N, C-alpha and C. Protein backbone atom coordinates (compact mmCIF):
# COMPACT_ATOMS: atom_id res chain seq x y z
N MET A 1 0.84 -1.18 0.00
CA MET A 1 0.00 0.00 0.00
C MET A 1 0.88 1.24 0.00
N ALA A 2 0.36 2.30 -0.53
CA ALA A 2 1.09 3.56 -0.51
C ALA A 2 1.09 4.10 0.91
N ILE A 3 2.05 4.95 1.17
CA ILE A 3 2.12 5.63 2.46
C ILE A 3 1.35 6.94 2.31
N MET A 4 0.73 7.38 3.40
CA MET A 4 0.04 8.67 3.40
C MET A 4 0.53 9.47 4.59
N ILE A 5 0.37 10.77 4.50
CA ILE A 5 0.73 11.66 5.59
C ILE A 5 -0.57 12.15 6.22
N THR A 6 -0.70 11.95 7.51
CA THR A 6 -1.93 12.34 8.20
C THR A 6 -1.93 13.84 8.52
N ASP A 7 -3.07 14.32 8.98
CA ASP A 7 -3.19 15.73 9.31
C ASP A 7 -2.46 16.12 10.60
N GLU A 8 -1.77 15.16 11.21
CA GLU A 8 -0.92 15.48 12.36
C GLU A 8 0.44 16.03 11.91
N CYS A 9 0.66 16.12 10.60
CA CYS A 9 1.92 16.62 10.04
C CYS A 9 2.21 18.02 10.58
N ILE A 10 3.45 18.24 10.99
CA ILE A 10 3.86 19.55 11.50
C ILE A 10 4.62 20.36 10.43
N ASN A 11 4.60 19.88 9.19
CA ASN A 11 5.24 20.57 8.07
C ASN A 11 6.73 20.82 8.29
N CYS A 12 7.41 19.85 8.88
CA CYS A 12 8.85 20.02 9.13
C CYS A 12 9.67 19.76 7.87
N GLY A 13 9.13 18.97 6.93
CA GLY A 13 9.83 18.69 5.69
C GLY A 13 10.89 17.61 5.75
N ALA A 14 11.03 16.94 6.88
CA ALA A 14 12.06 15.90 7.02
C ALA A 14 11.88 14.77 6.02
N CYS A 15 10.66 14.47 5.66
CA CYS A 15 10.35 13.34 4.78
C CYS A 15 10.71 13.58 3.32
N GLU A 16 10.51 14.79 2.86
CA GLU A 16 10.63 15.09 1.42
C GLU A 16 11.96 14.66 0.80
N PRO A 17 13.11 15.03 1.35
CA PRO A 17 14.36 14.64 0.69
C PRO A 17 14.69 13.16 0.81
N GLU A 18 13.99 12.44 1.66
CA GLU A 18 14.26 11.01 1.86
C GLU A 18 13.60 10.12 0.81
N CYS A 19 12.62 10.65 0.09
CA CYS A 19 11.85 9.84 -0.85
C CYS A 19 12.63 9.57 -2.14
N PRO A 20 12.90 8.30 -2.47
CA PRO A 20 13.64 7.98 -3.69
C PRO A 20 12.82 8.19 -4.96
N ASN A 21 11.52 8.41 -4.81
CA ASN A 21 10.64 8.59 -5.97
C ASN A 21 10.17 10.03 -6.16
N ASN A 22 10.63 10.92 -5.32
CA ASN A 22 10.14 12.30 -5.35
C ASN A 22 8.62 12.34 -5.32
N ALA A 23 8.04 11.55 -4.43
CA ALA A 23 6.59 11.44 -4.31
C ALA A 23 6.02 12.35 -3.23
N ILE A 24 6.87 13.04 -2.49
CA ILE A 24 6.41 13.86 -1.37
C ILE A 24 6.53 15.34 -1.73
N TYR A 25 5.44 16.06 -1.47
CA TYR A 25 5.36 17.48 -1.83
C TYR A 25 4.85 18.29 -0.64
N GLU A 26 5.30 19.52 -0.58
CA GLU A 26 4.79 20.46 0.42
C GLU A 26 3.35 20.80 0.07
N GLY A 27 2.52 21.00 1.07
CA GLY A 27 1.13 21.35 0.85
C GLY A 27 0.99 22.53 -0.10
N GLY A 28 0.04 22.42 -1.03
CA GLY A 28 -0.24 23.49 -1.97
C GLY A 28 0.61 23.47 -3.23
N ILE A 29 1.61 22.62 -3.29
CA ILE A 29 2.50 22.55 -4.46
C ILE A 29 1.96 21.53 -5.47
N GLU A 30 1.90 21.95 -6.73
CA GLU A 30 1.48 21.01 -7.78
C GLU A 30 2.58 19.98 -8.00
N TRP A 31 2.19 18.80 -8.52
CA TRP A 31 3.13 17.72 -8.75
C TRP A 31 3.03 17.22 -10.18
N ALA A 32 4.06 16.49 -10.60
CA ALA A 32 4.06 15.83 -11.91
C ALA A 32 4.80 14.50 -11.79
N ILE A 33 4.40 13.55 -12.59
CA ILE A 33 5.08 12.25 -12.60
C ILE A 33 6.57 12.43 -12.89
N SER A 34 6.90 13.36 -13.77
CA SER A 34 8.30 13.53 -14.18
C SER A 34 9.19 14.16 -13.12
N ASP A 35 8.63 14.73 -12.09
CA ASP A 35 9.46 15.34 -11.04
C ASP A 35 10.40 14.29 -10.45
N GLY A 36 11.70 14.51 -10.62
CA GLY A 36 12.69 13.61 -10.06
C GLY A 36 12.84 12.29 -10.78
N SER A 37 12.28 12.16 -11.98
CA SER A 37 12.42 10.91 -12.72
C SER A 37 12.83 11.21 -14.15
N ILE A 38 13.14 10.15 -14.88
CA ILE A 38 13.51 10.31 -16.29
C ILE A 38 12.40 9.82 -17.21
N VAL A 39 11.21 9.63 -16.67
CA VAL A 39 10.07 9.15 -17.44
C VAL A 39 9.71 10.18 -18.50
N LYS A 40 9.41 9.72 -19.70
CA LYS A 40 9.01 10.59 -20.81
C LYS A 40 7.67 10.13 -21.35
N GLY A 41 6.99 11.03 -22.01
CA GLY A 41 5.74 10.68 -22.68
C GLY A 41 4.53 10.74 -21.78
N SER A 42 3.78 9.66 -21.76
CA SER A 42 2.55 9.62 -20.96
C SER A 42 2.66 8.53 -19.89
N TYR A 43 1.77 8.62 -18.94
CA TYR A 43 1.79 7.70 -17.79
C TYR A 43 0.34 7.47 -17.39
N VAL A 44 0.00 6.22 -17.10
CA VAL A 44 -1.36 5.89 -16.67
C VAL A 44 -1.41 5.91 -15.15
N LEU A 45 -2.24 6.79 -14.62
CA LEU A 45 -2.41 6.91 -13.17
C LEU A 45 -3.26 5.77 -12.63
N GLU A 46 -3.27 5.60 -11.32
CA GLU A 46 -4.02 4.50 -10.70
C GLU A 46 -5.52 4.59 -10.98
N ASN A 47 -6.03 5.78 -11.28
CA ASN A 47 -7.46 5.92 -11.59
C ASN A 47 -7.78 5.59 -13.05
N GLY A 48 -6.74 5.21 -13.81
CA GLY A 48 -6.92 4.82 -15.21
C GLY A 48 -6.74 5.95 -16.21
N SER A 49 -6.62 7.17 -15.74
CA SER A 49 -6.44 8.28 -16.68
C SER A 49 -4.99 8.35 -17.13
N GLU A 50 -4.82 8.76 -18.37
CA GLU A 50 -3.48 8.89 -18.94
C GLU A 50 -3.11 10.36 -18.94
N VAL A 51 -1.92 10.67 -18.42
CA VAL A 51 -1.47 12.06 -18.35
C VAL A 51 -0.09 12.19 -18.97
N ASP A 52 0.21 13.38 -19.46
CA ASP A 52 1.57 13.67 -19.88
C ASP A 52 2.41 13.73 -18.61
N VAL A 53 3.59 13.13 -18.62
CA VAL A 53 4.39 13.05 -17.40
C VAL A 53 4.83 14.42 -16.88
N ASP A 54 4.84 15.42 -17.75
CA ASP A 54 5.22 16.77 -17.33
C ASP A 54 4.03 17.63 -16.91
N ALA A 55 2.83 17.13 -17.10
CA ALA A 55 1.63 17.90 -16.75
C ALA A 55 1.54 18.10 -15.24
N ARG A 56 1.33 19.33 -14.83
CA ARG A 56 1.21 19.64 -13.41
C ARG A 56 -0.18 19.20 -12.94
N GLN A 57 -0.19 18.52 -11.80
CA GLN A 57 -1.43 18.01 -11.21
C GLN A 57 -1.75 18.82 -9.95
N LYS A 58 -3.02 18.86 -9.60
CA LYS A 58 -3.45 19.60 -8.41
C LYS A 58 -2.86 18.98 -7.15
N PRO A 59 -2.54 19.82 -6.17
CA PRO A 59 -2.04 19.29 -4.90
C PRO A 59 -3.07 18.39 -4.23
N ILE A 60 -2.61 17.37 -3.56
CA ILE A 60 -3.50 16.48 -2.82
C ILE A 60 -3.89 17.13 -1.50
N SER A 61 -3.03 17.97 -0.98
CA SER A 61 -3.32 18.72 0.25
C SER A 61 -2.80 20.14 0.10
N ASP A 62 -3.53 21.08 0.61
CA ASP A 62 -3.07 22.46 0.62
C ASP A 62 -2.45 22.83 1.96
N ASP A 63 -2.71 22.03 2.98
CA ASP A 63 -2.35 22.40 4.35
C ASP A 63 -1.07 21.77 4.89
N TYR A 64 -0.73 20.58 4.42
CA TYR A 64 0.45 19.89 4.93
C TYR A 64 1.06 19.02 3.85
N TYR A 65 2.26 18.54 4.10
CA TYR A 65 2.96 17.68 3.13
C TYR A 65 2.07 16.51 2.74
N TYR A 66 2.23 16.04 1.52
CA TYR A 66 1.44 14.90 1.05
C TYR A 66 2.30 14.00 0.17
N ILE A 67 1.84 12.76 0.02
CA ILE A 67 2.52 11.77 -0.82
C ILE A 67 1.62 11.43 -1.99
N VAL A 68 2.16 11.48 -3.19
CA VAL A 68 1.41 11.12 -4.39
C VAL A 68 1.40 9.59 -4.49
N PRO A 69 0.22 8.98 -4.33
CA PRO A 69 0.14 7.51 -4.37
C PRO A 69 0.68 6.90 -5.66
N ASP A 70 0.49 7.61 -6.78
CA ASP A 70 0.96 7.10 -8.07
C ASP A 70 2.48 7.06 -8.17
N LYS A 71 3.18 7.68 -7.23
CA LYS A 71 4.64 7.69 -7.24
C LYS A 71 5.24 6.94 -6.05
N CYS A 72 4.43 6.58 -5.08
CA CYS A 72 4.92 5.93 -3.87
C CYS A 72 5.12 4.43 -4.09
N THR A 73 6.28 3.95 -3.69
CA THR A 73 6.56 2.51 -3.75
C THR A 73 6.88 1.95 -2.37
N GLU A 74 6.59 2.73 -1.32
CA GLU A 74 6.94 2.35 0.05
C GLU A 74 8.44 2.07 0.17
N CYS A 75 9.21 2.64 -0.71
CA CYS A 75 10.68 2.45 -0.78
C CYS A 75 11.08 1.02 -1.15
N VAL A 76 10.13 0.20 -1.59
CA VAL A 76 10.45 -1.16 -2.04
C VAL A 76 11.42 -1.06 -3.22
N GLY A 77 12.46 -1.84 -3.15
CA GLY A 77 13.49 -1.81 -4.19
C GLY A 77 14.59 -0.81 -3.90
N PHE A 78 14.41 -0.01 -2.86
CA PHE A 78 15.42 0.98 -2.47
C PHE A 78 15.90 0.75 -1.04
N HIS A 79 14.96 0.59 -0.10
CA HIS A 79 15.27 0.50 1.32
C HIS A 79 14.43 -0.59 1.98
N GLU A 80 14.81 -0.95 3.18
CA GLU A 80 14.09 -1.99 3.94
C GLU A 80 12.74 -1.50 4.46
N GLU A 81 12.60 -0.18 4.65
CA GLU A 81 11.36 0.39 5.19
C GLU A 81 11.13 1.75 4.54
N PRO A 82 9.89 2.23 4.57
CA PRO A 82 9.61 3.56 4.03
C PRO A 82 10.43 4.62 4.77
N GLN A 83 11.23 5.35 4.03
CA GLN A 83 12.12 6.32 4.65
C GLN A 83 11.38 7.52 5.24
N CYS A 84 10.25 7.89 4.65
CA CYS A 84 9.48 9.00 5.21
C CYS A 84 9.05 8.68 6.64
N ALA A 85 8.56 7.45 6.84
CA ALA A 85 8.12 7.03 8.18
C ALA A 85 9.30 6.93 9.14
N ALA A 86 10.45 6.52 8.63
CA ALA A 86 11.63 6.37 9.48
C ALA A 86 12.13 7.70 10.04
N VAL A 87 11.97 8.78 9.28
CA VAL A 87 12.49 10.08 9.72
C VAL A 87 11.43 11.01 10.31
N CYS A 88 10.17 10.65 10.22
CA CYS A 88 9.10 11.54 10.69
C CYS A 88 9.12 11.67 12.21
N PRO A 89 9.27 12.90 12.72
CA PRO A 89 9.34 13.08 14.17
C PRO A 89 8.00 12.93 14.89
N VAL A 90 6.90 12.96 14.15
CA VAL A 90 5.59 12.84 14.80
C VAL A 90 4.81 11.60 14.32
N ASP A 91 5.48 10.71 13.62
CA ASP A 91 4.88 9.44 13.17
C ASP A 91 3.57 9.63 12.38
N CYS A 92 3.58 10.60 11.45
CA CYS A 92 2.37 10.82 10.66
C CYS A 92 2.45 10.21 9.26
N CYS A 93 3.54 9.54 8.93
CA CYS A 93 3.67 8.82 7.65
C CYS A 93 3.28 7.38 7.92
N VAL A 94 2.08 7.02 7.48
CA VAL A 94 1.51 5.72 7.81
C VAL A 94 0.98 5.03 6.56
N PRO A 95 0.83 3.70 6.59
CA PRO A 95 0.24 2.99 5.45
C PRO A 95 -1.19 3.48 5.18
N ASP A 96 -1.51 3.67 3.92
CA ASP A 96 -2.84 4.11 3.51
C ASP A 96 -3.73 2.87 3.36
N PRO A 97 -4.70 2.69 4.25
CA PRO A 97 -5.53 1.49 4.18
C PRO A 97 -6.40 1.40 2.93
N GLU A 98 -6.55 2.51 2.21
CA GLU A 98 -7.35 2.52 0.97
C GLU A 98 -6.54 2.10 -0.24
N ARG A 99 -5.23 1.89 -0.06
CA ARG A 99 -4.36 1.55 -1.19
C ARG A 99 -3.46 0.38 -0.84
N VAL A 100 -4.07 -0.78 -0.65
CA VAL A 100 -3.31 -1.98 -0.34
C VAL A 100 -2.72 -2.52 -1.64
N GLU A 101 -1.38 -2.63 -1.68
CA GLU A 101 -0.70 -3.08 -2.89
C GLU A 101 0.36 -4.12 -2.54
N SER A 102 0.53 -5.08 -3.42
CA SER A 102 1.52 -6.13 -3.20
C SER A 102 2.92 -5.60 -3.50
N GLU A 103 3.92 -6.34 -3.04
CA GLU A 103 5.30 -5.97 -3.33
C GLU A 103 5.55 -5.98 -4.84
N ALA A 104 4.91 -6.91 -5.55
CA ALA A 104 5.08 -6.98 -7.00
C ALA A 104 4.56 -5.70 -7.67
N ILE A 105 3.44 -5.19 -7.23
CA ILE A 105 2.89 -3.95 -7.80
C ILE A 105 3.81 -2.78 -7.49
N LEU A 106 4.32 -2.72 -6.27
CA LEU A 106 5.23 -1.64 -5.88
C LEU A 106 6.52 -1.68 -6.69
N LEU A 107 7.05 -2.88 -6.92
CA LEU A 107 8.26 -3.02 -7.74
C LEU A 107 8.01 -2.63 -9.20
N GLU A 108 6.83 -2.99 -9.71
CA GLU A 108 6.49 -2.63 -11.08
C GLU A 108 6.40 -1.11 -11.20
N ARG A 109 5.81 -0.45 -10.20
CA ARG A 109 5.72 1.01 -10.21
C ARG A 109 7.12 1.62 -10.16
N LYS A 110 7.98 1.07 -9.33
CA LYS A 110 9.37 1.54 -9.24
C LYS A 110 10.03 1.45 -10.61
N ASP A 111 9.83 0.33 -11.30
CA ASP A 111 10.44 0.14 -12.62
C ASP A 111 9.89 1.14 -13.64
N ARG A 112 8.60 1.45 -13.54
CA ARG A 112 8.00 2.41 -14.48
C ARG A 112 8.52 3.82 -14.24
N LEU A 113 8.79 4.15 -12.98
CA LEU A 113 9.26 5.49 -12.63
C LEU A 113 10.76 5.68 -12.85
N HIS A 114 11.49 4.58 -12.81
CA HIS A 114 12.95 4.63 -12.92
C HIS A 114 13.41 3.75 -14.08
N LEU A 115 13.12 4.19 -15.28
CA LEU A 115 13.45 3.42 -16.49
C LEU A 115 14.89 3.00 -16.54
């Protein structure tokens, strides 16, 4: 499952530089699949829509840091545990119960993001 940041976030920013997928953004900041990756062309999001990888998407949160589920791999293929959760001083980086995903799906996403 993807990791999510709860509303207990204190906006310290410790998580953002730890993400190997550049999936973490400050509240209110638009995101794109291509941020921090070498992906080109189009990309199919988890909702089935196809987007240009450079197209800016609406922020998931305006108030606190957030994780883009379409870019989160729980650090599978990079680290033993999600690095955002490991560095969070208030333990607000938690598994998203609405996005249960197998290790195989997370690895496939990693491969798509890191050609």
